[in-house]
Amino acid sequence: MIREENSWEAAMLKQLDDLLPQSLNRPKTHGVFFRGIRSANLQKNDSPSWYNPYEAKEVFLMTAKLYRHNIKKLNLLAS
């Protein structure tokens, strides 16, 4: 659990508040969010896999916004 006082995670999330979905119920230190996208899953005739280009676009755009805020991936695995 992230604490608001003296927490680098909370400070980072505060910087990103304009990117995260706005909700009166979302605590400011809540780093997980869901974003609903109305679109259709597609499938190629010769493939068993499904894809959704609109979801992929939203993931790309959010990733670009995070990088613009100088948020990079956090490597939690030991080398």
PDB file of N, CA and C in Angstrom:
ATOM      1  N   MET A   1       0.844  -1.174   0.000  1.00  0.00           N
ATOM      2  CA  MET A   1       0.000   0.000   0.000  1.00  0.00           C
ATOM      3  C   MET A   1       0.890   1.238   0.000  1.00  0.00           C
ATOM      4  N   ILE A   2       0.589   2.152  -0.883  1.00  0.00           N
ATOM      5  CA  ILE A   2       1.358   3.390  -0.969  1.00  0.00           C
ATOM      6  C   ILE A   2       0.786   4.398   0.018  1.00  0.00           C
ATOM      7  N   ARG A   3       1.674   5.041   0.750  1.00  0.00           N
ATOM      8  CA  ARG A   3       1.251   6.082   1.696  1.00  0.00           C
ATOM      9  C   ARG A   3       1.453   7.448   1.055  1.00  0.00           C
ATOM     10  N   GLU A   4       0.564   8.365   1.331  1.00  0.00           N
ATOM     11  CA  GLU A   4       0.666   9.697   0.741  1.00  0.00           C
ATOM     12  C   GLU A   4       1.832  10.500   1.295  1.00  0.00           C
ATOM     13  N   GLU A   5       2.132  10.328   2.556  1.00  0.00           N
ATOM     14  CA  GLU A   5       3.202  11.126   3.138  1.00  0.00           C
ATOM     15  C   GLU A   5       4.549  10.427   2.940  1.00  0.00           C
ATOM     16  N   ASN A   6       5.531  11.191   2.464  1.00  0.00           N
ATOM     17  CA  ASN A   6       6.899  10.721   2.272  1.00  0.00           C
ATOM     18  C   ASN A   6       7.015   9.497   1.370  1.00  0.00           C
ATOM     19  N   SER A   7       6.282   9.474   0.283  1.00  0.00           N
ATOM     20  CA  SER A   7       6.320   8.344  -0.620  1.00  0.00           C
ATOM     21  C   SER A   7       6.635   8.830  -2.034  1.00  0.00           C
ATOM     22  N   TRP A   8       7.690   8.289  -2.637  1.00  0.00           N
ATOM     23  CA  TRP A   8       8.025   8.696  -4.005  1.00  0.00           C
ATOM     24  C   TRP A   8       6.967   8.202  -4.973  1.00  0.00           C
ATOM     25  N   GLU A   9       6.326   7.062  -4.643  1.00  0.00           N
ATOM     26  CA  GLU A   9       5.263   6.554  -5.506  1.00  0.00           C
ATOM     27  C   GLU A   9       4.075   7.510  -5.533  1.00  0.00           C
ATOM     28  N   ALA A  10       3.690   8.011  -4.367  1.00  0.00           N
ATOM     29  CA  ALA A  10       2.567   8.943  -4.291  1.00  0.00           C
ATOM     30  C   ALA A  10       2.901  10.246  -5.007  1.00  0.00           C
ATOM     31  N   ALA A  11       4.135  10.700  -4.889  1.00  0.00           N
ATOM     32  CA  ALA A  11       4.542  11.924  -5.585  1.00  0.00           C
ATOM     33  C   ALA A  11       4.478  11.728  -7.096  1.00  0.00           C
ATOM     34  N   MET A  12       4.899  10.562  -7.564  1.00  0.00           N
ATOM     35  CA  MET A  12       4.840  10.264  -8.990  1.00  0.00           C
ATOM     36  C   MET A  12       3.391  10.221  -9.474  1.00  0.00           C
ATOM     37  N   LEU A  13       2.522   9.567  -8.716  1.00  0.00           N
ATOM     38  CA  LEU A  13       1.118   9.480  -9.103  1.00  0.00           C
ATOM     39  C   LEU A  13       0.454  10.850  -9.101  1.00  0.00           C
ATOM     40  N   LYS A  14       0.869  11.719  -8.197  1.00  0.00           N
ATOM     41  CA  LYS A  14       0.319  13.073  -8.165  1.00  0.00           C
ATOM     42  C   LYS A  14       0.666  13.821  -9.448  1.00  0.00           C
ATOM     43  N   GLN A  15       1.887  13.613  -9.962  1.00  0.00           N
ATOM     44  CA  GLN A  15       2.300  14.222 -11.223  1.00  0.00           C
ATOM     45  C   GLN A  15       1.437  13.717 -12.377  1.00  0.00           C
ATOM     46  N   LEU A  16       0.986  12.486 -12.285  1.00  0.00           N
ATOM     47  CA  LEU A  16       0.240  11.853 -13.369  1.00  0.00           C
ATOM     48  C   LEU A  16      -1.266  11.992 -13.218  1.00  0.00           C
ATOM     49  N   ASP A  17      -1.713  12.748 -12.246  1.00  0.00           N
ATOM     50  CA  ASP A  17      -3.147  12.834 -11.959  1.00  0.00           C
ATOM     51  C   ASP A  17      -3.965  13.241 -13.176  1.00  0.00           C
ATOM     52  N   ASP A  18      -3.411  14.093 -14.030  1.00  0.00           N
ATOM     53  CA  ASP A  18      -4.163  14.522 -15.214  1.00  0.00           C
ATOM     54  C   ASP A  18      -4.270  13.426 -16.264  1.00  0.00           C
ATOM     55  N   LEU A  19      -3.412  12.395 -16.202  1.00  0.00           N
ATOM     56  CA  LEU A  19      -3.478  11.291 -17.158  1.00  0.00           C
ATOM     57  C   LEU A  19      -4.423  10.184 -16.721  1.00  0.00           C
ATOM     58  N   LEU A  20      -4.580  10.042 -15.411  1.00  0.00           N
ATOM     59  CA  LEU A  20      -5.389   8.944 -14.897  1.00  0.00           C
ATOM     60  C   LEU A  20      -6.867   9.296 -14.977  1.00  0.00           C
ATOM     61  N   PRO A  21      -7.707   8.288 -15.169  1.00  0.00           N
ATOM     62  CA  PRO A  21      -9.144   8.557 -15.213  1.00  0.00           C
ATOM     63  C   PRO A  21      -9.619   9.228 -13.924  1.00  0.00           C
ATOM     64  N   GLN A  22     -10.418  10.254 -14.069  1.00  0.00           N
ATOM     65  CA  GLN A  22     -10.905  10.994 -12.905  1.00  0.00           C
ATOM     66  C   GLN A  22     -12.078  10.264 -12.261  1.00  0.00           C
ATOM     67  N   SER A  23     -12.029  10.150 -10.966  1.00  0.00           N
ATOM     68  CA  SER A  23     -13.087   9.488 -10.217  1.00  0.00           C
ATOM     69  C   SER A  23     -13.054  10.001  -8.780  1.00  0.00           C
ATOM     70  N   LEU A  24     -14.219  10.294  -8.249  1.00  0.00           N
ATOM     71  CA  LEU A  24     -14.295  10.723  -6.856  1.00  0.00           C
ATOM     72  C   LEU A  24     -13.946   9.586  -5.907  1.00  0.00           C
ATOM     73  N   ASN A  25     -14.101   8.353  -6.377  1.00  0.00           N
ATOM     74  CA  ASN A  25     -13.845   7.184  -5.535  1.00  0.00           C
ATOM     75  C   ASN A  25     -12.397   6.709  -5.580  1.00  0.00           C
ATOM     76  N   ARG A  26     -11.601   7.208  -6.539  1.00  0.00           N
ATOM     77  CA  ARG A  26     -10.215   6.752  -6.676  1.00  0.00           C
ATOM     78  C   ARG A  26      -9.318   7.537  -5.739  1.00  0.00           C
ATOM     79  N   PRO A  27      -8.678   6.844  -4.786  1.00  0.00           N
ATOM     80  CA  PRO A  27      -7.699   7.539  -3.951  1.00  0.00           C
ATOM     81  C   PRO A  27      -6.555   8.052  -4.820  1.00  0.00           C
ATOM     82  N   LYS A  28      -5.988   9.181  -4.452  1.00  0.00           N
ATOM     83  CA  LYS A  28      -4.911   9.781  -5.241  1.00  0.00           C
ATOM     84  C   LYS A  28      -3.664   8.905  -5.277  1.00  0.00           C
ATOM     85  N   THR A  29      -3.539   7.983  -4.349  1.00  0.00           N
ATOM     86  CA  THR A  29      -2.363   7.120  -4.331  1.00  0.00           C
ATOM     87  C   THR A  29      -2.649   5.747  -4.946  1.00  0.00           C
ATOM     88  N   HIS A  30      -3.743   5.618  -5.648  1.00  0.00           N
ATOM     89  CA  HIS A  30      -4.099   4.338  -6.258  1.00  0.00           C
ATOM     90  C   HIS A  30      -3.465   4.271  -7.640  1.00  0.00           C
ATOM     91  N   GLY A  31      -2.486   3.407  -7.817  1.00  0.00           N
ATOM     92  CA  GLY A  31      -1.727   3.344  -9.057  1.00  0.00           C
ATOM     93  C   GLY A  31      -2.275   2.392 -10.094  1.00  0.00           C
ATOM     94  N   VAL A  32      -3.412   1.771  -9.828  1.00  0.00           N
ATOM     95  CA  VAL A  32      -4.017   0.858 -10.791  1.00  0.00           C
ATOM     96  C   VAL A  32      -5.319   1.468 -11.257  1.00  0.00           C
ATOM     97  N   PHE A  33      -5.532   1.439 -12.557  1.00  0.00           N
ATOM     98  CA  PHE A  33      -6.786   1.938 -13.085  1.00  0.00           C
ATOM     99  C   PHE A  33      -7.191   1.123 -14.301  1.00  0.00           C
ATOM    100  N   PHE A  34      -8.445   1.174 -14.620  1.00  0.00           N
ATOM    101  CA  PHE A  34      -8.984   0.481 -15.778  1.00  0.00           C
ATOM    102  C   PHE A  34      -9.599   1.521 -16.699  1.00  0.00           C
ATOM    103  N   ARG A  35      -9.455   1.291 -17.966  1.00  0.00           N
ATOM    104  CA  ARG A  35     -10.022   2.211 -18.942  1.00  0.00           C
ATOM    105  C   ARG A  35     -10.843   1.394 -19.926  1.00  0.00           C
ATOM    106  N   GLY A  36     -12.123   1.681 -19.987  1.00  0.00           N
ATOM    107  CA  GLY A  36     -12.992   0.983 -20.921  1.00  0.00           C
ATOM    108  C   GLY A  36     -12.898   1.588 -22.313  1.00  0.00           C
ATOM    109  N   ILE A  37     -12.857   0.742 -23.308  1.00  0.00           N
ATOM    110  CA  ILE A  37     -12.794   1.197 -24.692  1.00  0.00           C
ATOM    111  C   ILE A  37     -13.890   0.474 -25.464  1.00  0.00           C
ATOM    112  N   ARG A  38     -14.733   1.251 -26.108  1.00  0.00           N
ATOM    113  CA  ARG A  38     -15.788   0.654 -26.939  1.00  0.00           C
ATOM    114  C   ARG A  38     -15.229   0.401 -28.328  1.00  0.00           C
ATOM    115  N   SER A  39     -15.029  -0.857 -28.623  1.00  0.00           N
ATOM    116  CA  SER A  39     -14.528  -1.242 -29.935  1.00  0.00           C
ATOM    117  C   SER A  39     -14.764  -2.734 -30.118  1.00  0.00           C
ATOM    118  N   ALA A  40     -14.381  -3.232 -31.257  1.00  0.00           N
ATOM    119  CA  ALA A  40     -14.628  -4.638 -31.563  1.00  0.00           C
ATOM    120  C   ALA A  40     -13.316  -5.401 -31.660  1.00  0.00           C
ATOM    121  N   ASN A  41     -13.344  -6.634 -31.183  1.00  0.00           N
ATOM    122  CA  ASN A  41     -12.209  -7.523 -31.377  1.00  0.00           C
ATOM    123  C   ASN A  41     -12.278  -8.059 -32.802  1.00  0.00           C
ATOM    124  N   LEU A  42     -11.125  -8.162 -33.429  1.00  0.00           N
ATOM    125  CA  LEU A  42     -11.057  -8.622 -34.805  1.00  0.00           C
ATOM    126  C   LEU A  42     -10.239  -9.897 -34.882  1.00  0.00           C
ATOM    127  N   GLN A  43     -10.445 -10.630 -35.965  1.00  0.00           N
ATOM    128  CA  GLN A  43      -9.718 -11.879 -36.145  1.00  0.00           C
ATOM    129  C   GLN A  43      -9.477 -12.083 -37.640  1.00  0.00           C
ATOM    130  N   LYS A  44      -8.258 -12.435 -37.995  1.00  0.00           N
ATOM    131  CA  LYS A  44      -7.938 -12.785 -39.382  1.00  0.00           C
ATOM    132  C   LYS A  44      -8.539 -14.151 -39.682  1.00  0.00           C
ATOM    133  N   ASN A  45      -8.903 -14.363 -40.923  1.00  0.00           N
ATOM    134  CA  ASN A  45      -9.516 -15.634 -41.310  1.00  0.00           C
ATOM    135  C   ASN A  45      -8.612 -16.832 -41.047  1.00  0.00           C
ATOM    136  N   ASP A  46      -7.311 -16.649 -41.214  1.00  0.00           N
ATOM    137  CA  ASP A  46      -6.382 -17.772 -41.079  1.00  0.00           C
ATOM    138  C   ASP A  46      -5.676 -17.810 -39.721  1.00  0.00           C
ATOM    139  N   SER A  47      -6.224 -17.139 -38.709  1.00  0.00           N
ATOM    140  CA  SER A  47      -5.570 -17.091 -37.400  1.00  0.00           C
ATOM    141  C   SER A  47      -6.574 -17.358 -36.283  1.00  0.00           C
ATOM    142  N   PRO A  48      -6.173 -18.120 -35.266  1.00  0.00           N
ATOM    143  CA  PRO A  48      -7.054 -18.336 -34.118  1.00  0.00           C
ATOM    144  C   PRO A  48      -7.002 -17.170 -33.120  1.00  0.00           C
ATOM    145  N   SER A  49      -6.072 -16.243 -33.320  1.00  0.00           N
ATOM    146  CA  SER A  49      -5.875 -15.136 -32.383  1.00  0.00           C
ATOM    147  C   SER A  49      -6.802 -13.966 -32.684  1.00  0.00           C
ATOM    148  N   TRP A  50      -7.155 -13.257 -31.621  1.00  0.00           N
ATOM    149  CA  TRP A  50      -7.970 -12.048 -31.737  1.00  0.00           C
ATOM    150  C   TRP A  50      -7.098 -10.836 -31.461  1.00  0.00           C
ATOM    151  N   TYR A  51      -7.452  -9.706 -32.025  1.00  0.00           N
ATOM    152  CA  TYR A  51      -6.730  -8.467 -31.767  1.00  0.00           C
ATOM    153  C   TYR A  51      -7.713  -7.307 -31.776  1.00  0.00           C
ATOM    154  N   ASN A  52      -7.286  -6.218 -31.175  1.00  0.00           N
ATOM    155  CA  ASN A  52      -8.131  -5.035 -31.109  1.00  0.00           C
ATOM    156  C   ASN A  52      -7.242  -3.815 -31.360  1.00  0.00           C
ATOM    157  N   PRO A  53      -7.281  -3.267 -32.571  1.00  0.00           N
ATOM    158  CA  PRO A  53      -6.390  -2.148 -32.885  1.00  0.00           C
ATOM    159  C   PRO A  53      -6.675  -0.902 -32.059  1.00  0.00           C
ATOM    160  N   TYR A  54      -7.906  -0.695 -31.632  1.00  0.00           N
ATOM    161  CA  TYR A  54      -8.231   0.484 -30.822  1.00  0.00           C
ATOM    162  C   TYR A  54      -7.627   0.383 -29.428  1.00  0.00           C
ATOM    163  N   GLU A  55      -7.657  -0.819 -28.840  1.00  0.00           N
ATOM    164  CA  GLU A  55      -7.013  -1.014 -27.542  1.00  0.00           C
ATOM    165  C   GLU A  55      -5.506  -0.825 -27.657  1.00  0.00           C
ATOM    166  N   ALA A  56      -4.922  -1.363 -28.721  1.00  0.00           N
ATOM    167  CA  ALA A  56      -3.475  -1.205 -28.932  1.00  0.00           C
ATOM    168  C   ALA A  56      -3.112   0.272 -29.071  1.00  0.00           C
ATOM    169  N   LYS A  57      -3.940   1.031 -29.771  1.00  0.00           N
ATOM    170  CA  LYS A  57      -3.689   2.461 -29.938  1.00  0.00           C
ATOM    171  C   LYS A  57      -3.713   3.172 -28.587  1.00  0.00           C
ATOM    172  N   GLU A  58      -4.702   2.844 -27.732  1.00  0.00           N
ATOM    173  CA  GLU A  58      -4.801   3.476 -26.416  1.00  0.00           C
ATOM    174  C   GLU A  58      -3.609   3.131 -25.537  1.00  0.00           C
ATOM    175  N   VAL A  59      -3.139   1.893 -25.596  1.00  0.00           N
ATOM    176  CA  VAL A  59      -1.952   1.506 -24.828  1.00  0.00           C
ATOM    177  C   VAL A  59      -0.745   2.304 -25.312  1.00  0.00           C
ATOM    178  N   PHE A  60      -0.603   2.433 -26.630  1.00  0.00           N
ATOM    179  CA  PHE A  60       0.501   3.219 -27.184  1.00  0.00           C
ATOM    180  C   PHE A  60       0.434   4.674 -26.727  1.00  0.00           C
ATOM    181  N   LEU A  61      -0.741   5.287 -26.816  1.00  0.00           N
ATOM    182  CA  LEU A  61      -0.882   6.690 -26.431  1.00  0.00           C
ATOM    183  C   LEU A  61      -0.597   6.909 -24.946  1.00  0.00           C
ATOM    184  N   MET A  62      -1.075   6.000 -24.091  1.00  0.00           N
ATOM    185  CA  MET A  62      -0.818   6.129 -22.658  1.00  0.00           C
ATOM    186  C   MET A  62       0.673   5.951 -22.367  1.00  0.00           C
ATOM    187  N   THR A  63       1.314   5.004 -23.050  1.00  0.00           N
ATOM    188  CA  THR A  63       2.746   4.801 -22.867  1.00  0.00           C
ATOM    189  C   THR A  63       3.527   6.048 -23.279  1.00  0.00           C
ATOM    190  N   ALA A  64       3.147   6.649 -24.392  1.00  0.00           N
ATOM    191  CA  ALA A  64       3.810   7.879 -24.839  1.00  0.00           C
ATOM    192  C   ALA A  64       3.630   9.002 -23.812  1.00  0.00           C
ATOM    193  N   LYS A  65       2.434   9.132 -23.233  1.00  0.00           N
ATOM    194  CA  LYS A  65       2.196  10.158 -22.211  1.00  0.00           C
ATOM    195  C   LYS A  65       3.053   9.906 -20.975  1.00  0.00           C
ATOM    196  N   LEU A  66       3.177   8.653 -20.578  1.00  0.00           N
ATOM    197  CA  LEU A  66       4.005   8.324 -19.416  1.00  0.00           C
ATOM    198  C   LEU A  66       5.464   8.673 -19.677  1.00  0.00           C
ATOM    199  N   TYR A  67       5.968   8.354 -20.852  1.00  0.00           N
ATOM    200  CA  TYR A  67       7.349   8.695 -21.188  1.00  0.00           C
ATOM    201  C   TYR A  67       7.548  10.207 -21.212  1.00  0.00           C
ATOM    202  N   ARG A  68       6.538  10.964 -21.687  1.00  0.00           N
ATOM    203  CA  ARG A  68       6.646  12.426 -21.683  1.00  0.00           C
ATOM    204  C   ARG A  68       6.714  12.977 -20.268  1.00  0.00           C
ATOM    205  N   HIS A  69       6.135  12.255 -19.312  1.00  0.00           N
ATOM    206  CA  HIS A  69       6.216  12.647 -17.903  1.00  0.00           C
ATOM    207  C   HIS A  69       7.440  12.029 -17.232  1.00  0.00           C
ATOM    208  N   ASN A  70       8.338  11.493 -18.037  1.00  0.00           N
ATOM    209  CA  ASN A  70       9.591  10.895 -17.571  1.00  0.00           C
ATOM    210  C   ASN A  70       9.363   9.658 -16.702  1.00  0.00           C
ATOM    211  N   ILE A  71       8.289   8.933 -16.976  1.00  0.00           N
ATOM    212  CA  ILE A  71       8.023   7.676 -16.271  1.00  0.00           C
ATOM    213  C   ILE A  71       8.503   6.549 -17.173  1.00  0.00           C
ATOM    214  N   LYS A  72       9.475   5.800 -16.708  1.00  0.00           N
ATOM    215  CA  LYS A  72      10.035   4.686 -17.461  1.00  0.00           C
ATOM    216  C   LYS A  72       9.629   3.390 -16.784  1.00  0.00           C
ATOM    217  N   LYS A  73       9.871   2.284 -17.456  1.00  0.00           N
ATOM    218  CA  LYS A  73       9.542   0.998 -16.848  1.00  0.00           C
ATOM    219  C   LYS A  73      10.400   0.785 -15.606  1.00  0.00           C
ATOM    220  N   LEU A  74       9.838   0.094 -14.655  1.00  0.00           N
ATOM    221  CA  LEU A  74      10.546  -0.207 -13.415  1.00  0.00           C
ATOM    222  C   LEU A  74      10.965  -1.665 -13.483  1.00  0.00           C
ATOM    223  N   ASN A  75      12.246  -1.905 -13.484  1.00  0.00           N
ATOM    224  CA  ASN A  75      12.762  -3.258 -13.590  1.00  0.00           C
ATOM    225  C   ASN A  75      12.834  -3.856 -12.198  1.00  0.00           C
ATOM    226  N   LEU A  76      11.907  -4.737 -11.888  1.00  0.00           N
ATOM    227  CA  LEU A  76      11.860  -5.334 -10.551  1.00  0.00           C
ATOM    228  C   LEU A  76      12.609  -6.671 -10.487  1.00  0.00           C
ATOM    229  N   LEU A  77      13.006  -7.187 -11.636  1.00  0.00           N
ATOM    230  CA  LEU A  77      13.698  -8.462 -11.640  1.00  0.00           C
ATOM    231  C   LEU A  77      15.190  -8.252 -11.421  1.00  0.00           C
ATOM    232  N   ALA A  78      15.776  -9.121 -10.599  1.00  0.00           N
ATOM    233  CA  ALA A  78      17.215  -9.032 -10.344  1.00  0.00           C
ATOM    234  C   ALA A  78      17.967  -9.500 -11.587  1.00  0.00           C
ATOM    235  N   SER A  79      19.086  -8.898 -11.852  1.00  0.00           N
ATOM    236  CA  SER A  79      19.897  -9.264 -13.036  1.00  0.00           C
ATOM    237  C   SER A  79      20.625 -10.548 -12.802  1.00  0.00           C
TER     238      SER A  79
END
